[in-house]
Amino acid sequence: MVTKLDRLARSMLHLCAIGEELARKKVELEVLDQAIETYSATGRLLFHLLGAFAEFETTLRRERQQEGIAHAKGRGVRFGRTHALSALQVDQLRQRRANGEPIKVLVCAYALSKTSVYRYLDGVCPQAATPEAEAADEEPRQGGPKSC
């Protein structure tokens, strides 16, 4: 028993595979909100028709989402988290590491995870620093790993 058919599977192929597996095990399926059952010919027909419509709707939703993302990127909207460090802080971090400071010290000094420190050292660098980030350069970041 499920409440909605589109919650059971993500594609028509997967839905059919689930339907076949249930039939092989002699288990009948009932979809509560859509009044579908697989123990009659009409119910099996509805099962497949509504499954196809659910997949169609999911595909349309995905296409609209991709169009919206492309439109936003065209307007200059940036996605994802902002970088924790400014370009100046990244340069300082790299210089300190080049001078031999241990990663553990850098983790605590910049309030970053070990993985983030390595990412900055490997070349992940923010875009041009914003005025807010430059102001933050003068004050150390707060927080960081609990071991600091």
N, C-alpha and C. Protein backbone atom coordinates (compact mmCIF):
# COMPACT_ATOMS: atom_id res chain seq x y z
N MET A 1 0.84 -1.17 0.00
CA MET A 1 0.00 0.00 0.00
C MET A 1 0.89 1.24 0.00
N VAL A 2 0.62 2.17 -0.89
CA VAL A 2 1.30 3.46 -0.92
C VAL A 2 0.24 4.54 -1.06
N THR A 3 0.61 5.78 -0.73
CA THR A 3 -0.37 6.86 -0.83
C THR A 3 -0.44 7.44 -2.24
N LYS A 4 0.73 7.62 -2.89
CA LYS A 4 0.75 8.17 -4.24
C LYS A 4 1.70 7.35 -5.09
N LEU A 5 1.33 7.16 -6.35
CA LEU A 5 2.11 6.34 -7.25
C LEU A 5 3.48 6.93 -7.53
N ASP A 6 3.58 8.25 -7.62
CA ASP A 6 4.87 8.87 -7.94
C ASP A 6 5.86 8.78 -6.79
N ARG A 7 5.41 8.40 -5.60
CA ARG A 7 6.31 8.20 -4.46
C ARG A 7 6.91 6.80 -4.47
N LEU A 8 6.35 5.92 -5.28
CA LEU A 8 6.81 4.53 -5.32
C LEU A 8 8.05 4.36 -6.18
N ALA A 9 8.15 5.10 -7.29
CA ALA A 9 9.27 4.94 -8.22
C ALA A 9 9.55 6.27 -8.91
N ARG A 10 10.78 6.41 -9.42
CA ARG A 10 11.19 7.64 -10.08
C ARG A 10 11.04 7.60 -11.59
N SER A 11 10.85 6.41 -12.16
CA SER A 11 10.69 6.31 -13.61
C SER A 11 9.69 5.21 -13.92
N MET A 12 9.19 5.25 -15.15
CA MET A 12 8.23 4.23 -15.57
C MET A 12 8.88 2.86 -15.58
N LEU A 13 10.14 2.80 -16.00
CA LEU A 13 10.87 1.53 -16.02
C LEU A 13 10.97 0.94 -14.61
N HIS A 14 11.32 1.78 -13.65
CA HIS A 14 11.43 1.32 -12.26
C HIS A 14 10.06 0.91 -11.72
N LEU A 15 9.04 1.67 -12.07
CA LEU A 15 7.68 1.35 -11.62
C LEU A 15 7.23 0.00 -12.17
N CYS A 16 7.50 -0.25 -13.45
CA CYS A 16 7.14 -1.54 -14.05
C CYS A 16 7.91 -2.68 -13.39
N ALA A 17 9.17 -2.44 -13.10
CA ALA A 17 9.97 -3.47 -12.44
C ALA A 17 9.40 -3.80 -11.06
N ILE A 18 8.99 -2.78 -10.33
CA ILE A 18 8.38 -3.00 -9.01
C ILE A 18 7.07 -3.77 -9.18
N GLY A 19 6.26 -3.36 -10.17
CA GLY A 19 4.99 -4.04 -10.43
C GLY A 19 5.20 -5.51 -10.76
N GLU A 20 6.19 -5.80 -11.60
CA GLU A 20 6.48 -7.19 -11.97
C GLU A 20 6.98 -7.99 -10.76
N GLU A 21 7.83 -7.37 -9.96
CA GLU A 21 8.34 -8.05 -8.76
C GLU A 21 7.21 -8.38 -7.79
N LEU A 22 6.29 -7.44 -7.61
CA LEU A 22 5.15 -7.68 -6.72
C LEU A 22 4.26 -8.79 -7.28
N ALA A 23 4.03 -8.78 -8.61
CA ALA A 23 3.20 -9.81 -9.23
C ALA A 23 3.86 -11.18 -9.09
N ARG A 24 5.18 -11.24 -9.25
CA ARG A 24 5.91 -12.49 -9.11
C ARG A 24 5.76 -13.06 -7.70
N LYS A 25 5.73 -12.15 -6.72
CA LYS A 25 5.59 -12.57 -5.33
C LYS A 25 4.12 -12.74 -4.92
N LYS A 26 3.22 -12.53 -5.90
CA LYS A 26 1.77 -12.63 -5.67
C LYS A 26 1.29 -11.63 -4.61
N VAL A 27 1.83 -10.41 -4.72
CA VAL A 27 1.44 -9.32 -3.83
C VAL A 27 0.69 -8.30 -4.67
N GLU A 28 -0.44 -7.85 -4.18
CA GLU A 28 -1.21 -6.83 -4.89
C GLU A 28 -0.85 -5.45 -4.34
N LEU A 29 -0.87 -4.47 -5.22
CA LEU A 29 -0.53 -3.09 -4.85
C LEU A 29 -1.78 -2.26 -4.81
N GLU A 30 -1.87 -1.40 -3.81
CA GLU A 30 -2.99 -0.47 -3.72
C GLU A 30 -2.44 0.93 -3.48
N VAL A 31 -2.90 1.87 -4.30
CA VAL A 31 -2.48 3.27 -4.18
C VAL A 31 -3.69 4.03 -3.62
N LEU A 32 -3.56 4.51 -2.40
CA LEU A 32 -4.70 5.07 -1.68
C LEU A 32 -5.26 6.34 -2.29
N ASP A 33 -4.43 7.34 -2.54
CA ASP A 33 -4.92 8.64 -3.01
C ASP A 33 -5.46 8.60 -4.44
N GLN A 34 -5.05 7.60 -5.22
CA GLN A 34 -5.44 7.55 -6.63
C GLN A 34 -6.36 6.38 -6.94
N ALA A 35 -6.81 5.68 -5.94
CA ALA A 35 -7.75 4.57 -6.08
C ALA A 35 -7.31 3.57 -7.15
N ILE A 36 -6.06 3.17 -7.07
CA ILE A 36 -5.51 2.19 -8.00
C ILE A 36 -5.23 0.91 -7.23
N GLU A 37 -5.57 -0.22 -7.85
CA GLU A 37 -5.22 -1.51 -7.29
C GLU A 37 -4.79 -2.38 -8.44
N THR A 38 -3.91 -3.34 -8.19
CA THR A 38 -3.37 -4.15 -9.29
C THR A 38 -4.01 -5.54 -9.36
N TYR A 39 -5.10 -5.77 -8.62
CA TYR A 39 -5.73 -7.09 -8.67
C TYR A 39 -6.83 -7.16 -9.73
N SER A 40 -7.05 -6.08 -10.49
CA SER A 40 -8.00 -6.13 -11.60
C SER A 40 -7.33 -5.59 -12.85
N ALA A 41 -7.90 -5.92 -14.01
CA ALA A 41 -7.34 -5.45 -15.28
C ALA A 41 -7.42 -3.92 -15.36
N THR A 42 -8.51 -3.35 -14.92
CA THR A 42 -8.67 -1.90 -14.94
C THR A 42 -7.64 -1.24 -14.02
N GLY A 43 -7.42 -1.82 -12.87
CA GLY A 43 -6.45 -1.28 -11.92
C GLY A 43 -5.03 -1.32 -12.49
N ARG A 44 -4.68 -2.42 -13.17
CA ARG A 44 -3.36 -2.51 -13.78
C ARG A 44 -3.19 -1.48 -14.90
N LEU A 45 -4.27 -1.25 -15.68
CA LEU A 45 -4.23 -0.23 -16.73
C LEU A 45 -3.99 1.15 -16.12
N LEU A 46 -4.74 1.48 -15.09
CA LEU A 46 -4.56 2.77 -14.41
C LEU A 46 -3.17 2.89 -13.82
N PHE A 47 -2.67 1.80 -13.27
CA PHE A 47 -1.33 1.77 -12.70
C PHE A 47 -0.31 2.22 -13.74
N HIS A 48 -0.38 1.66 -14.94
CA HIS A 48 0.58 1.99 -15.99
C HIS A 48 0.33 3.38 -16.58
N LEU A 49 -0.94 3.76 -16.76
CA LEU A 49 -1.23 5.09 -17.30
C LEU A 49 -0.78 6.20 -16.35
N LEU A 50 -1.14 6.08 -15.10
CA LEU A 50 -0.76 7.11 -14.14
C LEU A 50 0.74 7.10 -13.89
N GLY A 51 1.36 5.94 -13.98
CA GLY A 51 2.82 5.88 -13.89
C GLY A 51 3.48 6.65 -15.01
N ALA A 52 2.95 6.50 -16.23
CA ALA A 52 3.49 7.23 -17.37
C ALA A 52 3.29 8.73 -17.20
N PHE A 53 2.12 9.14 -16.72
CA PHE A 53 1.87 10.57 -16.49
C PHE A 53 2.77 11.12 -15.39
N ALA A 54 3.01 10.35 -14.36
CA ALA A 54 3.88 10.80 -13.27
C ALA A 54 5.30 11.01 -13.78
N GLU A 55 5.78 10.09 -14.63
CA GLU A 55 7.13 10.25 -15.19
C GLU A 55 7.18 11.47 -16.11
N PHE A 56 6.13 11.69 -16.90
CA PHE A 56 6.04 12.85 -17.78
C PHE A 56 6.10 14.14 -16.97
N GLU A 57 5.34 14.19 -15.89
CA GLU A 57 5.32 15.36 -15.01
C GLU A 57 6.70 15.62 -14.39
N THR A 58 7.38 14.57 -13.97
CA THR A 58 8.71 14.70 -13.39
C THR A 58 9.70 15.25 -14.42
N THR A 59 9.58 14.76 -15.66
CA THR A 59 10.45 15.24 -16.73
C THR A 59 10.20 16.71 -17.02
N LEU A 60 8.93 17.12 -17.08
CA LEU A 60 8.61 18.53 -17.31
C LEU A 60 9.16 19.40 -16.19
N ARG A 61 9.00 18.96 -14.95
CA ARG A 61 9.49 19.71 -13.80
C ARG A 61 11.01 19.88 -13.88
N ARG A 62 11.72 18.82 -14.24
CA ARG A 62 13.18 18.87 -14.37
C ARG A 62 13.58 19.85 -15.48
N GLU A 63 12.87 19.82 -16.61
CA GLU A 63 13.18 20.74 -17.71
C GLU A 63 12.96 22.19 -17.30
N ARG A 64 11.85 22.45 -16.61
CA ARG A 64 11.58 23.83 -16.15
C ARG A 64 12.65 24.28 -15.17
N GLN A 65 13.08 23.39 -14.30
CA GLN A 65 14.12 23.72 -13.33
C GLN A 65 15.42 24.08 -14.04
N GLN A 66 15.80 23.28 -15.05
CA GLN A 66 17.04 23.55 -15.79
C GLN A 66 16.94 24.88 -16.53
N GLU A 67 15.77 25.17 -17.11
CA GLU A 67 15.58 26.45 -17.79
C GLU A 67 15.72 27.61 -16.80
N GLY A 68 15.14 27.46 -15.62
CA GLY A 68 15.23 28.49 -14.60
C GLY A 68 16.67 28.72 -14.15
N ILE A 69 17.42 27.65 -13.99
CA ILE A 69 18.83 27.77 -13.59
C ILE A 69 19.61 28.47 -14.68
N ALA A 70 19.39 28.09 -15.94
CA ALA A 70 20.10 28.72 -17.06
C ALA A 70 19.75 30.20 -17.15
N HIS A 71 18.48 30.55 -16.94
CA HIS A 71 18.06 31.95 -16.97
C HIS A 71 18.72 32.74 -15.84
N ALA A 72 18.75 32.16 -14.66
CA ALA A 72 19.38 32.84 -13.52
C ALA A 72 20.87 33.04 -13.76
N LYS A 73 21.55 32.02 -14.28
CA LYS A 73 22.98 32.16 -14.58
C LYS A 73 23.21 33.24 -15.62
N GLY A 74 22.29 33.35 -16.59
CA GLY A 74 22.38 34.39 -17.61
C GLY A 74 22.27 35.79 -17.01
N ARG A 75 21.54 35.90 -15.90
CA ARG A 75 21.41 37.19 -15.20
C ARG A 75 22.57 37.42 -14.23
N GLY A 76 23.47 36.43 -14.11
CA GLY A 76 24.63 36.60 -13.25
C GLY A 76 24.46 36.08 -11.83
N VAL A 77 23.40 35.34 -11.57
CA VAL A 77 23.20 34.76 -10.24
C VAL A 77 24.22 33.67 -10.03
N ARG A 78 24.87 33.69 -8.86
CA ARG A 78 25.86 32.66 -8.53
C ARG A 78 25.22 31.65 -7.60
N PHE A 79 25.51 30.39 -7.83
CA PHE A 79 24.96 29.31 -7.02
C PHE A 79 26.03 28.75 -6.10
N GLY A 80 25.59 28.14 -5.01
CA GLY A 80 26.52 27.51 -4.08
C GLY A 80 26.90 28.43 -2.94
N ARG A 81 27.62 27.88 -2.01
CA ARG A 81 28.06 28.65 -0.85
C ARG A 81 29.13 29.64 -1.26
N THR A 82 29.21 30.73 -0.49
CA THR A 82 30.30 31.67 -0.72
C THR A 82 31.56 31.09 -0.07
N HIS A 83 32.69 31.51 -0.57
CA HIS A 83 33.94 31.01 -0.01
C HIS A 83 34.16 31.58 1.39
N ALA A 84 34.75 30.78 2.25
CA ALA A 84 34.98 31.19 3.63
C ALA A 84 36.12 32.20 3.73
N LEU A 85 37.06 32.14 2.80
CA LEU A 85 38.22 33.02 2.84
C LEU A 85 38.24 33.94 1.62
N SER A 86 38.75 35.13 1.81
CA SER A 86 38.95 36.05 0.69
C SER A 86 40.23 35.65 -0.05
N ALA A 87 40.46 36.30 -1.17
CA ALA A 87 41.67 36.01 -1.96
C ALA A 87 42.92 36.31 -1.13
N LEU A 88 42.90 37.40 -0.36
CA LEU A 88 44.04 37.77 0.49
C LEU A 88 44.29 36.69 1.54
N GLN A 89 43.23 36.20 2.17
CA GLN A 89 43.38 35.16 3.18
C GLN A 89 43.92 33.86 2.57
N VAL A 90 43.50 33.55 1.35
CA VAL A 90 44.00 32.35 0.68
C VAL A 90 45.49 32.48 0.42
N ASP A 91 45.91 33.67 -0.02
CA ASP A 91 47.35 33.90 -0.24
C ASP A 91 48.13 33.74 1.07
N GLN A 92 47.58 34.29 2.16
CA GLN A 92 48.24 34.17 3.46
C GLN A 92 48.31 32.70 3.90
N LEU A 93 47.22 31.97 3.69
CA LEU A 93 47.17 30.56 4.04
C LEU A 93 48.25 29.79 3.28
N ARG A 94 48.36 30.03 2.00
CA ARG A 94 49.35 29.33 1.18
C ARG A 94 50.78 29.69 1.61
N GLN A 95 50.98 30.96 1.94
CA GLN A 95 52.32 31.40 2.37
C GLN A 95 52.69 30.74 3.70
N ARG A 96 51.74 30.69 4.62
CA ARG A 96 52.01 30.06 5.91
C ARG A 96 52.34 28.58 5.73
N ARG A 97 51.63 27.91 4.82
CA ARG A 97 51.91 26.49 4.58
C ARG A 97 53.28 26.31 3.92
N ALA A 98 53.61 27.23 3.00
CA ALA A 98 54.92 27.18 2.35
C ALA A 98 56.04 27.39 3.36
N ASN A 99 55.76 28.14 4.41
CA ASN A 99 56.74 28.38 5.47
C ASN A 99 56.81 27.21 6.45
N GLY A 100 56.01 26.18 6.23
CA GLY A 100 56.13 24.97 7.03
C GLY A 100 55.13 24.82 8.16
N GLU A 101 54.14 25.69 8.25
CA GLU A 101 53.16 25.54 9.33
C GLU A 101 52.34 24.28 9.12
N PRO A 102 52.09 23.52 10.17
CA PRO A 102 51.30 22.29 10.06
C PRO A 102 49.84 22.59 9.69
N ILE A 103 49.23 21.65 9.03
CA ILE A 103 47.82 21.79 8.64
C ILE A 103 46.94 22.01 9.86
N LYS A 104 47.24 21.32 10.95
CA LYS A 104 46.44 21.43 12.17
C LYS A 104 46.40 22.87 12.68
N VAL A 105 47.54 23.57 12.59
CA VAL A 105 47.60 24.97 13.03
C VAL A 105 46.76 25.84 12.10
N LEU A 106 46.85 25.58 10.79
CA LEU A 106 46.08 26.35 9.81
C LEU A 106 44.58 26.12 9.98
N VAL A 107 44.21 24.89 10.30
CA VAL A 107 42.80 24.58 10.53
C VAL A 107 42.25 25.45 11.65
N CYS A 108 42.99 25.54 12.73
CA CYS A 108 42.55 26.35 13.87
C CYS A 108 42.63 27.84 13.58
N ALA A 109 43.67 28.28 12.91
CA ALA A 109 43.87 29.70 12.65
C ALA A 109 42.79 30.27 11.74
N TYR A 110 42.33 29.49 10.75
CA TYR A 110 41.35 29.98 9.79
C TYR A 110 39.95 29.44 10.03
N ALA A 111 39.77 28.68 11.09
CA ALA A 111 38.47 28.12 11.46
C ALA A 111 37.84 27.37 10.30
N LEU A 112 38.64 26.50 9.68
CA LEU A 112 38.19 25.68 8.56
C LEU A 112 38.36 24.21 8.91
N SER A 113 37.72 23.37 8.14
CA SER A 113 37.97 21.94 8.30
C SER A 113 39.28 21.60 7.59
N LYS A 114 39.82 20.46 7.92
CA LYS A 114 41.06 20.00 7.29
C LYS A 114 40.89 19.90 5.77
N THR A 115 39.74 19.37 5.35
CA THR A 115 39.45 19.24 3.92
C THR A 115 39.43 20.59 3.23
N SER A 116 38.81 21.59 3.87
CA SER A 116 38.74 22.93 3.27
C SER A 116 40.13 23.54 3.13
N VAL A 117 40.98 23.35 4.13
CA VAL A 117 42.35 23.87 4.04
C VAL A 117 43.05 23.26 2.83
N TYR A 118 42.94 21.95 2.68
CA TYR A 118 43.58 21.29 1.54
C TYR A 118 43.00 21.79 0.21
N ARG A 119 41.70 22.05 0.16
CA ARG A 119 41.09 22.55 -1.07
C ARG A 119 41.64 23.92 -1.43
N TYR A 120 41.78 24.78 -0.44
CA TYR A 120 42.35 26.10 -0.71
C TYR A 120 43.80 25.98 -1.16
N LEU A 121 44.53 25.08 -0.54
CA LEU A 121 45.94 24.89 -0.91
C LEU A 121 46.07 24.30 -2.32
N ASP A 122 45.09 23.52 -2.74
CA ASP A 122 45.13 22.88 -4.05
C ASP A 122 44.63 23.77 -5.18
N GLY A 123 44.22 24.99 -4.87
CA GLY A 123 43.85 25.91 -5.95
C GLY A 123 42.42 26.37 -6.00
N VAL A 124 41.58 25.93 -5.08
CA VAL A 124 40.23 26.45 -5.06
C VAL A 124 40.32 27.86 -4.47
N CYS A 125 40.03 28.84 -5.29
CA CYS A 125 40.21 30.22 -4.85
C CYS A 125 38.95 31.01 -5.13
N PRO A 126 38.52 31.89 -4.22
CA PRO A 126 37.32 32.68 -4.46
C PRO A 126 37.52 33.69 -5.58
N GLN A 127 36.43 34.23 -6.04
CA GLN A 127 36.49 35.32 -7.01
C GLN A 127 37.09 36.53 -6.29
N ALA A 128 37.09 37.65 -6.96
CA ALA A 128 37.64 38.86 -6.34
C ALA A 128 36.97 39.08 -4.99
N ALA A 129 37.77 39.43 -4.02
CA ALA A 129 37.27 39.61 -2.67
C ALA A 129 36.29 40.78 -2.60
N THR A 130 35.23 40.58 -1.84
CA THR A 130 34.25 41.64 -1.65
C THR A 130 34.72 42.54 -0.53
N PRO A 131 34.18 43.75 -0.43
CA PRO A 131 34.57 44.64 0.68
C PRO A 131 34.32 44.00 2.05
N GLU A 132 33.25 43.22 2.16
CA GLU A 132 32.97 42.56 3.44
C GLU A 132 34.06 41.55 3.76
N ALA A 133 34.51 40.82 2.75
CA ALA A 133 35.56 39.83 2.97
C ALA A 133 36.88 40.51 3.32
N GLU A 134 37.16 41.63 2.67
CA GLU A 134 38.39 42.36 2.99
C GLU A 134 38.36 42.85 4.44
N ALA A 135 37.19 43.31 4.90
CA ALA A 135 37.06 43.74 6.29
C ALA A 135 37.26 42.56 7.23
N ALA A 136 36.81 41.40 6.80
CA ALA A 136 36.97 40.20 7.62
C ALA A 136 38.43 39.77 7.70
N ASP A 137 39.25 40.19 6.72
CA ASP A 137 40.67 39.83 6.73
C ASP A 137 41.38 40.39 7.96
N GLU A 138 40.89 41.50 8.47
CA GLU A 138 41.54 42.14 9.60
C GLU A 138 41.21 41.44 10.91
N GLU A 139 40.10 40.70 10.92
CA GLU A 139 39.71 39.98 12.13
C GLU A 139 39.75 38.48 11.84
N PRO A 140 40.28 37.68 12.78
CA PRO A 140 40.28 36.23 12.55
C PRO A 140 38.85 35.68 12.53
N ARG A 141 38.64 34.61 11.78
CA ARG A 141 37.34 33.96 11.75
C ARG A 141 37.05 33.33 13.10
N GLN A 142 35.78 33.29 13.45
CA GLN A 142 35.38 32.68 14.71
C GLN A 142 34.89 31.26 14.44
N GLY A 143 34.93 30.43 15.43
CA GLY A 143 34.42 29.07 15.28
C GLY A 143 35.53 28.10 14.94
N GLY A 144 35.22 27.19 14.03
CA GLY A 144 36.20 26.22 13.62
C GLY A 144 35.99 24.89 14.31
N PRO A 145 36.87 23.95 14.03
CA PRO A 145 36.74 22.62 14.64
C PRO A 145 36.79 22.67 16.16
N LYS A 146 36.13 21.74 16.80
CA LYS A 146 36.07 21.71 18.26
C LYS A 146 37.43 21.43 18.89
N SER A 147 38.36 20.89 18.14
CA SER A 147 39.67 20.55 18.70
C SER A 147 40.57 21.77 18.86
N CYS A 148 40.15 22.93 18.35
CA CYS A 148 41.00 24.14 18.43
C CYS A 148 40.84 24.85 19.75
